[in-house]
C-alpha atoms as a PDB file:
ATOM      1  CA  UNK A   1      11.163 -36.418  -5.829  1.00  0.00           C
ATOM      2  CA  UNK A   2       9.889 -33.324  -7.610  1.00  0.00           C
ATOM      3  CA  UNK A   3       7.550 -32.260 -10.394  1.00  0.00           C
ATOM      4  CA  UNK A   4       7.907 -28.747 -11.749  1.00  0.00           C
ATOM      5  CA  UNK A   5       5.122 -26.536 -13.122  1.00  0.00           C
ATOM      6  CA  UNK A   6       4.435 -22.858 -13.753  1.00  0.00           C
ATOM      7  CA  UNK A   7       1.370 -21.808 -11.691  1.00  0.00           C
ATOM      8  CA  UNK A   8       0.105 -22.507  -8.198  1.00  0.00           C
ATOM      9  CA  UNK A   9      -3.278 -23.864  -9.217  1.00  0.00           C
ATOM     10  CA  UNK A  10      -1.598 -26.153 -11.719  1.00  0.00           C
ATOM     11  CA  UNK A  11       0.869 -27.460  -9.130  1.00  0.00           C
ATOM     12  CA  UNK A  12      -1.906 -28.107  -6.628  1.00  0.00           C
ATOM     13  CA  UNK A  13      -3.861 -30.031  -9.260  1.00  0.00           C
ATOM     14  CA  UNK A  14      -0.755 -32.107  -9.989  1.00  0.00           C
ATOM     15  CA  UNK A  15      -0.390 -32.910  -6.290  1.00  0.00           C
ATOM     16  CA  UNK A  16      -3.990 -34.098  -6.076  1.00  0.00           C
ATOM     17  CA  UNK A  17      -3.593 -36.213  -9.233  1.00  0.00           C
ATOM     18  CA  UNK A  18      -0.521 -37.912  -7.768  1.00  0.00           C
ATOM     19  CA  UNK A  19      -2.145 -38.462  -4.355  1.00  0.00           C
ATOM     20  CA  UNK A  20      -5.178 -40.079  -5.970  1.00  0.00           C
ATOM     21  CA  UNK A  21      -2.967 -42.251  -8.129  1.00  0.00           C
ATOM     22  CA  UNK A  22      -0.883 -43.285  -5.126  1.00  0.00           C
ATOM     23  CA  UNK A  23      -3.847 -44.256  -2.937  1.00  0.00           C
ATOM     24  CA  UNK A  24      -6.384 -45.437  -5.496  1.00  0.00           C
ATOM     25  CA  UNK A  25      -8.926 -43.201  -3.745  1.00  0.00           C
ATOM     26  CA  UNK A  26     -10.804 -40.117  -4.915  1.00  0.00           C
ATOM     27  CA  UNK A  27     -11.974 -37.878  -2.066  1.00  0.00           C
ATOM     28  CA  UNK A  28      -9.997 -34.955  -0.657  1.00  0.00           C
ATOM     29  CA  UNK A  29     -10.333 -32.939   2.550  1.00  0.00           C
ATOM     30  CA  UNK A  30      -9.161 -29.331   2.190  1.00  0.00           C
ATOM     31  CA  UNK A  31      -8.423 -26.341   4.379  1.00  0.00           C
ATOM     32  CA  UNK A  32      -7.386 -23.115   2.661  1.00  0.00           C
ATOM     33  CA  UNK A  33      -7.190 -21.754  -0.857  1.00  0.00           C
ATOM     34  CA  UNK A  34      -5.717 -24.095  -3.474  1.00  0.00           C
ATOM     35  CA  UNK A  35      -6.592 -22.656  -6.888  1.00  0.00           C
ATOM     36  CA  UNK A  36      -9.410 -22.697  -9.412  1.00  0.00           C
ATOM     37  CA  UNK A  37      -9.393 -26.223 -10.852  1.00  0.00           C
ATOM     38  CA  UNK A  38     -12.376 -28.578 -10.865  1.00  0.00           C
ATOM     39  CA  UNK A  39     -11.143 -30.749  -8.001  1.00  0.00           C
ATOM     40  CA  UNK A  40     -11.145 -27.715  -5.638  1.00  0.00           C
ATOM     41  CA  UNK A  41     -14.233 -25.843  -6.791  1.00  0.00           C
ATOM     42  CA  UNK A  42     -16.185 -29.115  -6.586  1.00  0.00           C
ATOM     43  CA  UNK A  43     -16.521 -28.347  -2.871  1.00  0.00           C
ATOM     44  CA  UNK A  44     -19.148 -25.736  -3.785  1.00  0.00           C
ATOM     45  CA  UNK A  45     -21.347 -28.015  -5.883  1.00  0.00           C
ATOM     46  CA  UNK A  46     -24.801 -27.906  -4.327  1.00  0.00           C
ATOM     47  CA  UNK A  47     -23.743 -25.196  -1.860  1.00  0.00           C
ATOM     48  CA  UNK A  48     -21.745 -22.263  -3.180  1.00  0.00           C
ATOM     49  CA  UNK A  49     -20.832 -21.195   0.364  1.00  0.00           C
ATOM     50  CA  UNK A  50     -18.875 -24.284   1.438  1.00  0.00           C
ATOM     51  CA  UNK A  51     -15.640 -22.525   0.517  1.00  0.00           C
ATOM     52  CA  UNK A  52     -16.772 -19.253   2.115  1.00  0.00           C
ATOM     53  CA  UNK A  53     -14.546 -19.899   5.118  1.00  0.00           C
ATOM     54  CA  UNK A  54     -11.611 -20.679   2.870  1.00  0.00           C
ATOM     55  CA  UNK A  55     -10.751 -17.154   1.776  1.00  0.00           C
ATOM     56  CA  UNK A  56     -12.991 -16.686  -1.252  1.00  0.00           C
ATOM     57  CA  UNK A  57     -16.741 -16.529  -0.546  1.00  0.00           C
ATOM     58  CA  UNK A  58     -19.371 -16.954  -3.244  1.00  0.00           C
ATOM     59  CA  UNK A  59     -17.308 -18.922  -5.765  1.00  0.00           C
ATOM     60  CA  UNK A  60     -19.699 -20.203  -8.414  1.00  0.00           C
ATOM     61  CA  UNK A  61     -18.974 -23.774  -9.558  1.00  0.00           C
ATOM     62  CA  UNK A  62     -20.582 -23.322 -12.985  1.00  0.00           C
ATOM     63  CA  UNK A  63     -18.717 -25.479 -15.480  1.00  0.00           C
ATOM     64  CA  UNK A  64     -17.598 -27.999 -12.864  1.00  0.00           C
ATOM     65  CA  UNK A  65     -19.106 -31.460 -13.548  1.00  0.00           C
ATOM     66  CA  UNK A  66     -21.896 -32.201 -11.070  1.00  0.00           C
ATOM     67  CA  UNK A  67     -20.618 -35.756 -10.734  1.00  0.00           C
ATOM     68  CA  UNK A  68     -17.768 -34.308  -8.659  1.00  0.00           C
ATOM     69  CA  UNK A  69     -20.161 -33.239  -5.874  1.00  0.00           C
ATOM     70  CA  UNK A  70     -18.930 -34.593  -2.548  1.00  0.00           C
ATOM     71  CA  UNK A  71     -15.437 -35.347  -3.821  1.00  0.00           C
ATOM     72  CA  UNK A  72     -13.864 -32.392  -1.976  1.00  0.00           C
ATOM     73  CA  UNK A  73     -14.774 -31.716   1.655  1.00  0.00           C
ATOM     74  CA  UNK A  74     -13.682 -28.525   3.477  1.00  0.00           C
ATOM     75  CA  UNK A  75     -12.650 -28.494   7.134  1.00  0.00           C
ATOM     76  CA  UNK A  76     -11.884 -25.644   9.533  1.00  0.00           C
ATOM     77  CA  UNK A  77      -8.346 -24.860  10.619  1.00  0.00           C
ATOM     78  CA  UNK A  78      -7.608 -25.901  14.214  1.00  0.00           C
ATOM     79  CA  UNK A  79     -10.833 -27.964  14.400  1.00  0.00           C
ATOM     80  CA  UNK A  80      -9.275 -31.402  14.734  1.00  0.00           C
ATOM     81  CA  UNK A  81     -12.548 -33.045  15.744  1.00  0.00           C
ATOM     82  CA  UNK A  82     -14.174 -31.964  12.485  1.00  0.00           C
ATOM     83  CA  UNK A  83     -11.300 -33.309  10.402  1.00  0.00           C
ATOM     84  CA  UNK A  84     -11.219 -36.562  12.363  1.00  0.00           C
ATOM     85  CA  UNK A  85     -14.924 -37.062  11.670  1.00  0.00           C
ATOM     86  CA  UNK A  86     -14.346 -36.455   7.934  1.00  0.00           C
ATOM     87  CA  UNK A  87     -11.439 -38.902   7.807  1.00  0.00           C
ATOM     88  CA  UNK A  88     -13.393 -41.617   9.607  1.00  0.00           C
ATOM     89  CA  UNK A  89     -16.460 -41.094   7.434  1.00  0.00           C
ATOM     90  CA  UNK A  90     -14.783 -40.709   4.027  1.00  0.00           C
ATOM     91  CA  UNK A  91     -12.328 -42.840   2.070  1.00  0.00           C
ATOM     92  CA  UNK A  92      -9.836 -40.003   1.567  1.00  0.00           C
ATOM     93  CA  UNK A  93      -6.963 -39.890  -0.866  1.00  0.00           C
ATOM     94  CA  UNK A  94      -5.498 -36.724   0.610  1.00  0.00           C
ATOM     95  CA  UNK A  95      -5.666 -34.004   3.202  1.00  0.00           C
ATOM     96  CA  UNK A  96      -4.648 -30.799   1.431  1.00  0.00           C
ATOM     97  CA  UNK A  97      -4.102 -27.762   3.648  1.00  0.00           C
ATOM     98  CA  UNK A  98      -2.185 -24.562   4.220  1.00  0.00           C
ATOM     99  CA  UNK A  99       0.224 -24.876   7.143  1.00  0.00           C
ATOM    100  CA  UNK A 100      -0.941 -21.514   8.453  1.00  0.00           C
ATOM    101  CA  UNK A 101      -2.390 -18.355   6.984  1.00  0.00           C
ATOM    102  CA  UNK A 102      -3.656 -15.929   9.600  1.00  0.00           C
ATOM    103  CA  UNK A 103      -3.572 -17.714  12.933  1.00  0.00           C
ATOM    104  CA  UNK A 104      -1.099 -20.253  14.338  1.00  0.00           C
ATOM    105  CA  UNK A 105      -1.946 -23.901  15.016  1.00  0.00           C
ATOM    106  CA  UNK A 106      -3.356 -24.681  18.451  1.00  0.00           C
ATOM    107  CA  UNK A 107      -3.203 -27.799  20.638  1.00  0.00           C
ATOM    108  CA  UNK A 108      -0.614 -29.545  18.440  1.00  0.00           C
ATOM    109  CA  UNK A 109      -3.052 -29.337  15.521  1.00  0.00           C
ATOM    110  CA  UNK A 110      -0.505 -30.019  12.782  1.00  0.00           C
ATOM    111  CA  UNK A 111       1.079 -32.923  14.654  1.00  0.00           C
ATOM    112  CA  UNK A 112      -2.345 -34.475  15.208  1.00  0.00           C
ATOM    113  CA  UNK A 113      -3.236 -34.052  11.528  1.00  0.00           C
ATOM    114  CA  UNK A 114       0.015 -35.801  10.598  1.00  0.00           C
ATOM    115  CA  UNK A 115      -0.745 -38.714  12.915  1.00  0.00           C
ATOM    116  CA  UNK A 116      -4.335 -38.970  11.661  1.00  0.00           C
ATOM    117  CA  UNK A 117      -3.246 -39.058   8.020  1.00  0.00           C
ATOM    118  CA  UNK A 118      -0.618 -41.714   8.718  1.00  0.00           C
ATOM    119  CA  UNK A 119      -3.048 -43.882  10.653  1.00  0.00           C
ATOM    120  CA  UNK A 120      -5.551 -43.921   7.780  1.00  0.00           C
ATOM    121  CA  UNK A 121      -3.139 -44.117   4.841  1.00  0.00           C
ATOM    122  CA  UNK A 122      -4.077 -40.619   3.674  1.00  0.00           C
ATOM    123  CA  UNK A 123      -1.547 -38.474   1.775  1.00  0.00           C
ATOM    124  CA  UNK A 124      -0.883 -35.244   3.690  1.00  0.00           C
ATOM    125  CA  UNK A 125      -0.178 -32.327   1.334  1.00  0.00           C
ATOM    126  CA  UNK A 126       0.920 -28.910   2.575  1.00  0.00           C
ATOM    127  CA  UNK A 127       0.157 -26.065   0.159  1.00  0.00           C
ATOM    128  CA  UNK A 128       3.095 -23.721   0.710  1.00  0.00           C
ATOM    129  CA  UNK A 129       2.569 -21.598  -2.402  1.00  0.00           C
ATOM    130  CA  UNK A 130       1.943 -18.584  -0.180  1.00  0.00           C
ATOM    131  CA  UNK A 131       3.880 -19.426   2.981  1.00  0.00           C
ATOM    132  CA  UNK A 132       6.996 -21.032   1.518  1.00  0.00           C
ATOM    133  CA  UNK A 133      10.313 -19.181   2.016  1.00  0.00           C
ATOM    134  CA  UNK A 134       8.617 -16.375   3.971  1.00  0.00           C
ATOM    135  CA  UNK A 135       9.550 -17.489   7.473  1.00  0.00           C
ATOM    136  CA  UNK A 136      11.852 -20.447   6.834  1.00  0.00           C
ATOM    137  CA  UNK A 137      14.325 -21.275   4.093  1.00  0.00           C
ATOM    138  CA  UNK A 138      11.850 -23.686   2.582  1.00  0.00           C
ATOM    139  CA  UNK A 139       8.442 -24.614   3.925  1.00  0.00           C
ATOM    140  CA  UNK A 140       6.782 -23.045   6.934  1.00  0.00           C
ATOM    141  CA  UNK A 141       6.153 -26.605   8.157  1.00  0.00           C
ATOM    142  CA  UNK A 142       9.856 -26.873   9.033  1.00  0.00           C
ATOM    143  CA  UNK A 143       9.338 -24.419  11.872  1.00  0.00           C
ATOM    144  CA  UNK A 144       6.538 -26.538  13.299  1.00  0.00           C
ATOM    145  CA  UNK A 145       8.474 -29.796  13.011  1.00  0.00           C
ATOM    146  CA  UNK A 146       5.832 -31.570  10.918  1.00  0.00           C
ATOM    147  CA  UNK A 147       6.734 -33.364   7.691  1.00  0.00           C
ATOM    148  CA  UNK A 148       4.045 -33.772   5.002  1.00  0.00           C
ATOM    149  CA  UNK A 149       4.019 -36.470   2.344  1.00  0.00           C
ATOM    150  CA  UNK A 150       3.966 -33.767  -0.339  1.00  0.00           C
ATOM    151  CA  UNK A 151       4.389 -29.991  -0.430  1.00  0.00           C
ATOM    152  CA  UNK A 152       3.639 -27.391  -3.093  1.00  0.00           C
ATOM    153  CA  UNK A 153       5.688 -24.209  -3.552  1.00  0.00           C
ATOM    154  CA  UNK A 154       5.373 -21.118  -5.745  1.00  0.00           C
ATOM    155  CA  UNK A 155       5.198 -17.314  -5.503  1.00  0.00           C
ATOM    156  CA  UNK A 156       8.393 -16.436  -3.561  1.00  0.00           C
ATOM    157  CA  UNK A 157      10.212 -19.369  -5.154  1.00  0.00           C
ATOM    158  CA  UNK A 158      10.403 -17.605  -8.522  1.00  0.00           C
ATOM    159  CA  UNK A 159      10.542 -14.043  -7.183  1.00  0.00           C
ATOM    160  CA  UNK A 160       7.920 -12.929  -9.698  1.00  0.00           C
ATOM    161  CA  UNK A 161       8.756 -15.408 -12.438  1.00  0.00           C
ATOM    162  CA  UNK A 162       6.543 -18.404 -13.238  1.00  0.00           C
ATOM    163  CA  UNK A 163       7.961 -21.286 -11.203  1.00  0.00           C
ATOM    164  CA  UNK A 164       6.147 -23.787  -9.009  1.00  0.00           C
ATOM    165  CA  UNK A 165       7.073 -27.214  -7.731  1.00  0.00           C
ATOM    166  CA  UNK A 166       5.526 -30.269  -6.102  1.00  0.00           C
ATOM    167  CA  UNK A 167       7.933 -32.167  -3.886  1.00  0.00           C
ATOM    168  CA  UNK A 168       7.263 -35.337  -1.951  1.00  0.00           C
ATOM    169  CA  UNK A 169       8.238 -38.740  -0.679  1.00  0.00           C
ATOM    170  CA  UNK A 170       9.355 -41.106  -3.407  1.00  0.00           C
ATOM    171  CA  UNK A 171       6.768 -43.734  -2.388  1.00  0.00           C
ATOM    172  CA  UNK A 172       4.012 -41.241  -3.194  1.00  0.00           C
ATOM    173  CA  UNK A 173       5.555 -39.269  -6.057  1.00  0.00           C
ATOM    174  CA  UNK A 174       6.394 -42.344  -8.146  1.00  0.00           C
ATOM    175  CA  UNK A 175       2.652 -42.798  -8.678  1.00  0.00           C
ATOM    176  CA  UNK A 176       2.896 -39.948 -11.208  1.00  0.00           C
ATOM    177  CA  UNK A 177       4.385 -42.522 -13.582  1.00  0.00           C
ATOM    178  CA  UNK A 178       1.087 -44.431 -13.556  1.00  0.00           C
ATOM    179  CA  UNK A 179      -0.914 -41.361 -14.657  1.00  0.00           C
ATOM    180  CA  UNK A 180      -0.490 -38.568 -17.201  1.00  0.00           C
ATOM    181  CA  UNK A 181       0.782 -35.097 -16.292  1.00  0.00           C
ATOM    182  CA  UNK A 182       2.067 -32.742 -18.982  1.00  0.00           C
ATOM    183  CA  UNK A 183       2.370 -29.163 -20.194  1.00  0.00           C
ATOM    184  CA  UNK A 184       3.660 -27.454 -23.315  1.00  0.00           C
ATOM    185  CA  UNK A 185       5.738 -24.945 -21.360  1.00  0.00           C
ATOM    186  CA  UNK A 186       7.290 -27.069 -18.621  1.00  0.00           C
ATOM    187  CA  UNK A 187      10.531 -27.139 -20.588  1.00  0.00           C
ATOM    188  CA  UNK A 188      10.669 -23.325 -20.716  1.00  0.00           C
ATOM    189  CA  UNK A 189      13.662 -22.352 -18.602  1.00  0.00           C
ATOM    190  CA  UNK A 190      13.089 -18.762 -17.439  1.00  0.00           C
ATOM    191  CA  UNK A 191      11.128 -19.726 -14.341  1.00  0.00           C
ATOM    192  CA  UNK A 192      13.585 -22.457 -13.386  1.00  0.00           C
ATOM    193  CA  UNK A 193      16.582 -20.168 -13.858  1.00  0.00           C
ATOM    194  CA  UNK A 194      14.875 -17.446 -11.806  1.00  0.00           C
ATOM    195  CA  UNK A 195      14.080 -19.930  -9.029  1.00  0.00           C
ATOM    196  CA  UNK A 196      17.686 -21.144  -8.825  1.00  0.00           C
ATOM    197  CA  UNK A 197      18.972 -17.576  -8.687  1.00  0.00           C
ATOM    198  CA  UNK A 198      16.335 -16.643  -6.091  1.00  0.00           C
ATOM    199  CA  UNK A 199      17.254 -19.574  -3.843  1.00  0.00           C
ATOM    200  CA  UNK A 200      20.911 -18.588  -4.055  1.00  0.00           C
ATOM    201  CA  UNK A 201      20.195 -14.998  -3.000  1.00  0.00           C
ATOM    202  CA  UNK A 202      17.752 -16.104  -0.291  1.00  0.00           C
ATOM    203  CA  UNK A 203      20.301 -18.395   1.299  1.00  0.00           C
ATOM    204  CA  UNK A 204      23.063 -15.813   1.127  1.00  0.00           C
ATOM    205  CA  UNK A 205      21.022 -12.886   2.448  1.00  0.00           C
ATOM    206  CA  UNK A 206      18.745 -14.878   4.796  1.00  0.00           C
ATOM    207  CA  UNK A 207      15.802 -13.055   3.261  1.00  0.00           C
ATOM    208  CA  UNK A 208      13.242 -14.849   5.433  1.00  0.00           C
ATOM    209  CA  UNK A 209      14.783 -13.287   8.538  1.00  0.00           C
ATOM    210  CA  UNK A 210      14.805  -9.833   6.942  1.00  0.00           C
ATOM    211  CA  UNK A 211      11.175  -9.878   5.807  1.00  0.00           C
ATOM    212  CA  UNK A 212       9.977 -11.350   9.105  1.00  0.00           C
ATOM    213  CA  UNK A 213      11.578  -8.431  10.962  1.00  0.00           C
ATOM    214  CA  UNK A 214      10.123  -5.917   8.510  1.00  0.00           C
ATOM    215  CA  UNK A 215       6.632  -7.400   8.661  1.00  0.00           C
ATOM    216  CA  UNK A 216       6.689  -7.554  12.458  1.00  0.00           C
ATOM    217  CA  UNK A 217       7.645  -3.880  12.603  1.00  0.00           C
ATOM    218  CA  UNK A 218       4.882  -2.904  10.150  1.00  0.00           C
ATOM    219  CA  UNK A 219       2.317  -4.810  12.221  1.00  0.00           C
ATOM    220  CA  UNK A 220       3.485  -3.078  15.400  1.00  0.00           C
ATOM    221  CA  UNK A 221       3.290   0.344  13.765  1.00  0.00           C
ATOM    222  CA  UNK A 222      -0.214  -0.308  12.382  1.00  0.00           C
ATOM    223  CA  UNK A 223      -1.402  -0.971  15.909  1.00  0.00           C
ATOM    224  CA  UNK A 224       0.407   2.103  17.262  1.00  0.00           C
ATOM    225  CA  UNK A 225      -1.149   4.286  14.551  1.00  0.00           C
ATOM    226  CA  UNK A 226      -4.600   2.910  15.282  1.00  0.00           C
ATOM    227  CA  UNK A 227      -4.127   3.587  18.988  1.00  0.00           C
ATOM    228  CA  UNK A 228      -2.989   7.132  18.225  1.00  0.00           C
ATOM    229  CA  UNK A 229      -6.221   7.858  16.354  1.00  0.00           C
ATOM    230  CA  UNK A 230      -8.539   5.872  18.602  1.00  0.00           C
ATOM    231  CA  UNK A 231      -9.315   3.215  15.989  1.00  0.00           C
ATOM    232  CA  UNK A 232      -9.966  -0.472  16.583  1.00  0.00           C
ATOM    233  CA  UNK A 233      -8.077  -2.837  14.295  1.00  0.00           C
ATOM    234  CA  UNK A 234      -7.218  -6.517  14.276  1.00  0.00           C
ATOM    235  CA  UNK A 235      -3.973  -7.803  12.811  1.00  0.00           C
ATOM    236  CA  UNK A 236      -3.256 -11.328  11.597  1.00  0.00           C
ATOM    237  CA  UNK A 237      -1.097 -13.456   9.346  1.00  0.00           C
ATOM    238  CA  UNK A 238       2.510 -14.478   9.124  1.00  0.00           C
ATOM    239  CA  UNK A 239       4.827 -11.632  10.028  1.00  0.00           C
ATOM    240  CA  UNK A 240       6.003 -11.336   6.420  1.00  0.00           C
ATOM    241  CA  UNK A 241       2.428 -11.642   5.082  1.00  0.00           C
ATOM    242  CA  UNK A 242       0.653  -9.443   7.569  1.00  0.00           C
ATOM    243  CA  UNK A 243      -2.643  -7.611   7.377  1.00  0.00           C
ATOM    244  CA  UNK A 244      -5.070  -5.554   9.391  1.00  0.00           C
ATOM    245  CA  UNK A 245      -8.823  -5.043   9.413  1.00  0.00           C
ATOM    246  CA  UNK A 246     -10.828  -2.092  10.674  1.00  0.00           C
ATOM    247  CA  UNK A 247     -13.773  -3.006  12.855  1.00  0.00           C
ATOM    248  CA  UNK A 248     -17.344  -2.030  12.062  1.00  0.00           C
ATOM    249  CA  UNK A 249     -19.727  -1.945   9.088  1.00  0.00           C
ATOM    250  CA  UNK A 250     -17.587   0.530   7.118  1.00  0.00           C
ATOM    251  CA  UNK A 251     -14.534  -1.735   6.992  1.00  0.00           C
ATOM    252  CA  UNK A 252     -14.578  -2.221   3.221  1.00  0.00           C
ATOM    253  CA  UNK A 253     -15.254   1.474   2.624  1.00  0.00           C
ATOM    254  CA  UNK A 254     -12.261   2.349   4.796  1.00  0.00           C
ATOM    255  CA  UNK A 255     -10.122  -0.168   2.934  1.00  0.00           C
ATOM    256  CA  UNK A 256     -11.183   1.490  -0.337  1.00  0.00           C
ATOM    257  CA  UNK A 257     -10.407   4.917   1.081  1.00  0.00           C
ATOM    258  CA  UNK A 258      -6.922   3.806   2.132  1.00  0.00           C
ATOM    259  CA  UNK A 259      -6.138   2.508  -1.363  1.00  0.00           C
ATOM    260  CA  UNK A 260      -7.565   5.635  -3.003  1.00  0.00           C
ATOM    261  CA  UNK A 261      -5.650   8.071  -0.825  1.00  0.00           C
ATOM    262  CA  UNK A 262      -2.405   6.103  -0.805  1.00  0.00           C
ATOM    263  CA  UNK A 263      -2.435   5.933  -4.613  1.00  0.00           C
ATOM    264  CA  UNK A 264      -2.582   9.717  -4.646  1.00  0.00           C
ATOM    265  CA  UNK A 265       0.581   9.664  -2.524  1.00  0.00           C
ATOM    266  CA  UNK A 266       2.346   7.192  -4.817  1.00  0.00           C
ATOM    267  CA  UNK A 267       1.763   4.009  -2.829  1.00  0.00           C
ATOM    268  CA  UNK A 268      -0.083   0.883  -3.974  1.00  0.00           C
ATOM    269  CA  UNK A 269      -1.513  -0.160  -0.622  1.00  0.00           C
ATOM    270  CA  UNK A 270      -4.594  -1.551   1.059  1.00  0.00           C
ATOM    271  CA  UNK A 271      -4.841  -3.434   4.358  1.00  0.00           C
ATOM    272  CA  UNK A 272      -2.251  -6.144   3.741  1.00  0.00           C
ATOM    273  CA  UNK A 273       1.512  -6.104   3.384  1.00  0.00           C
ATOM    274  CA  UNK A 274       3.749  -8.660   1.675  1.00  0.00           C
ATOM    275  CA  UNK A 275       7.215  -7.820   2.923  1.00  0.00           C
ATOM    276  CA  UNK A 276      10.227  -8.049   0.642  1.00  0.00           C
ATOM    277  CA  UNK A 277      13.915  -7.277   0.984  1.00  0.00           C
ATOM    278  CA  UNK A 278      13.279  -4.093  -1.020  1.00  0.00           C
ATOM    279  CA  UNK A 279      11.232  -2.626   1.842  1.00  0.00           C
ATOM    280  CA  UNK A 280      13.960  -0.596   3.532  1.00  0.00           C
ATOM    281  CA  UNK A 281      13.484   1.431   6.714  1.00  0.00           C
ATOM    282  CA  UNK A 282      13.153   4.625   4.667  1.00  0.00           C
ATOM    283  CA  UNK A 283      10.399   3.129   2.542  1.00  0.00           C
ATOM    284  CA  UNK A 284       8.490   1.870   5.575  1.00  0.00           C
ATOM    285  CA  UNK A 285       8.852   5.254   7.285  1.00  0.00           C
ATOM    286  CA  UNK A 286       7.517   7.011   4.185  1.00  0.00           C
ATOM    287  CA  UNK A 287       4.590   4.602   4.024  1.00  0.00           C
ATOM    288  CA  UNK A 288       3.546   5.376   7.593  1.00  0.00           C
ATOM    289  CA  UNK A 289       4.009   9.097   7.052  1.00  0.00           C
ATOM    290  CA  UNK A 290       1.525   8.827   4.177  1.00  0.00           C
ATOM    291  CA  UNK A 291      -0.851   6.557   6.113  1.00  0.00           C
ATOM    292  CA  UNK A 292      -1.057   8.707   9.263  1.00  0.00           C
ATOM    293  CA  UNK A 293      -3.404  11.424   7.892  1.00  0.00           C
ATOM    294  CA  UNK A 294      -5.605   8.726   6.287  1.00  0.00           C
ATOM    295  CA  UNK A 295      -6.096   7.066   9.678  1.00  0.00           C
ATOM    296  CA  UNK A 296      -6.969  10.528  10.974  1.00  0.00           C
ATOM    297  CA  UNK A 297      -9.567  10.841   8.197  1.00  0.00           C
ATOM    298  CA  UNK A 298     -11.023   7.449   9.119  1.00  0.00           C
ATOM    299  CA  UNK A 299     -11.243   8.620  12.735  1.00  0.00           C
ATOM    300  CA  UNK A 300     -13.304  11.588  11.529  1.00  0.00           C
ATOM    301  CA  UNK A 301     -15.634   9.167   9.751  1.00  0.00           C
ATOM    302  CA  UNK A 302     -15.971   7.118  12.909  1.00  0.00           C
ATOM    303  CA  UNK A 303     -17.080  10.345  14.601  1.00  0.00           C
ATOM    304  CA  UNK A 304     -19.777  11.125  12.063  1.00  0.00           C
ATOM    305  CA  UNK A 305     -18.230  12.151   8.750  1.00  0.00           C
ATOM    306  CA  UNK A 306     -19.677  10.290   5.746  1.00  0.00           C
ATOM    307  CA  UNK A 307     -17.005   8.005   4.339  1.00  0.00           C
ATOM    308  CA  UNK A 308     -19.025   7.421   1.155  1.00  0.00           C
ATOM    309  CA  UNK A 309     -18.741  11.088   0.346  1.00  0.00           C
ATOM    310  CA  UNK A 310     -14.960  10.761   0.317  1.00  0.00           C
ATOM    311  CA  UNK A 311     -14.809   7.884  -2.177  1.00  0.00           C
ATOM    312  CA  UNK A 312     -14.234   8.577  -5.862  1.00  0.00           C
ATOM    313  CA  UNK A 313     -15.381   5.137  -7.000  1.00  0.00           C
ATOM    314  CA  UNK A 314     -17.211   1.997  -5.827  1.00  0.00           C
ATOM    315  CA  UNK A 315     -16.428   0.205  -2.585  1.00  0.00           C
ATOM    316  CA  UNK A 316     -14.061  -2.707  -3.115  1.00  0.00           C
ATOM    317  CA  UNK A 317     -15.363  -6.271  -2.873  1.00  0.00           C
ATOM    318  CA  UNK A 318     -14.426  -8.443   0.075  1.00  0.00           C
ATOM    319  CA  UNK A 319     -12.089 -10.726  -1.906  1.00  0.00           C
ATOM    320  CA  UNK A 320      -9.940 -13.001   0.212  1.00  0.00           C
ATOM    321  CA  UNK A 321     -11.306 -13.599   3.673  1.00  0.00           C
ATOM    322  CA  UNK A 322      -9.407 -14.238   6.866  1.00  0.00           C
ATOM    323  CA  UNK A 323      -9.050 -17.979   7.410  1.00  0.00           C
ATOM    324  CA  UNK A 324     -10.053 -18.778  10.990  1.00  0.00           C
END
């Protein structure tokens, strides 16, 4: 069954509402970024750093009812022992997690999570708002052979238009009928029409294969460029949602410098790359031609030049963190 919405945070909140209704339980274990609603930000009540390892550090839970403290419990990706301890110690309604963001599952992590959820009657929800349709025609979980009870999709689904969806097993999704879920604009058709058209083009063009190849090539060329200039970088993420980080205390300053200099060259760029079918070979070649002298400039800074003297504005904030 399916429930359609317009934003990712909204769809994730719907999924949690349904899971709680289906189980009659309240608490949720989470791994990853799932929006801004009370149920998620409640993890930071009493300790604003509990979500620090889940992409956005320092989120302030002001405005979130203090009675929600303890209702959402974060766990670390690939740490099955930690999740198992949470499940055994809490009466969970759901395990909500991203299938993968920056690093792949290890030691059959996803399969073990599936088995753990089933054994304890916990609804397993995969948040595929970011990963969906990037590497598979559908959810990334298909490639790992693990079926959730519910999954949430957005972003690529509407190709820029507002379209998100919660899909799931009928036994779970029917619980929506026992609660109340509504929105003024759910009957607006632009997002739905865009999603249908996008799915048609995706299937015809096999877009997920195209963007995976493009992203893999960009990642390879980042590393080659870093090696050329004697820089140390780390790369991570899905091939089509790839990123790199420069080592050392000036990492954010270098990221700012890259954006500043690339804007001057006509590129909106930082240290991440969301591949699309519009990124042709010529465009990627032009991007690296523009990036090459900036890496050379960063190499100069690594050898003593003051990077702060090159910046025309403030250093960017850290924003989304890498999810280990």
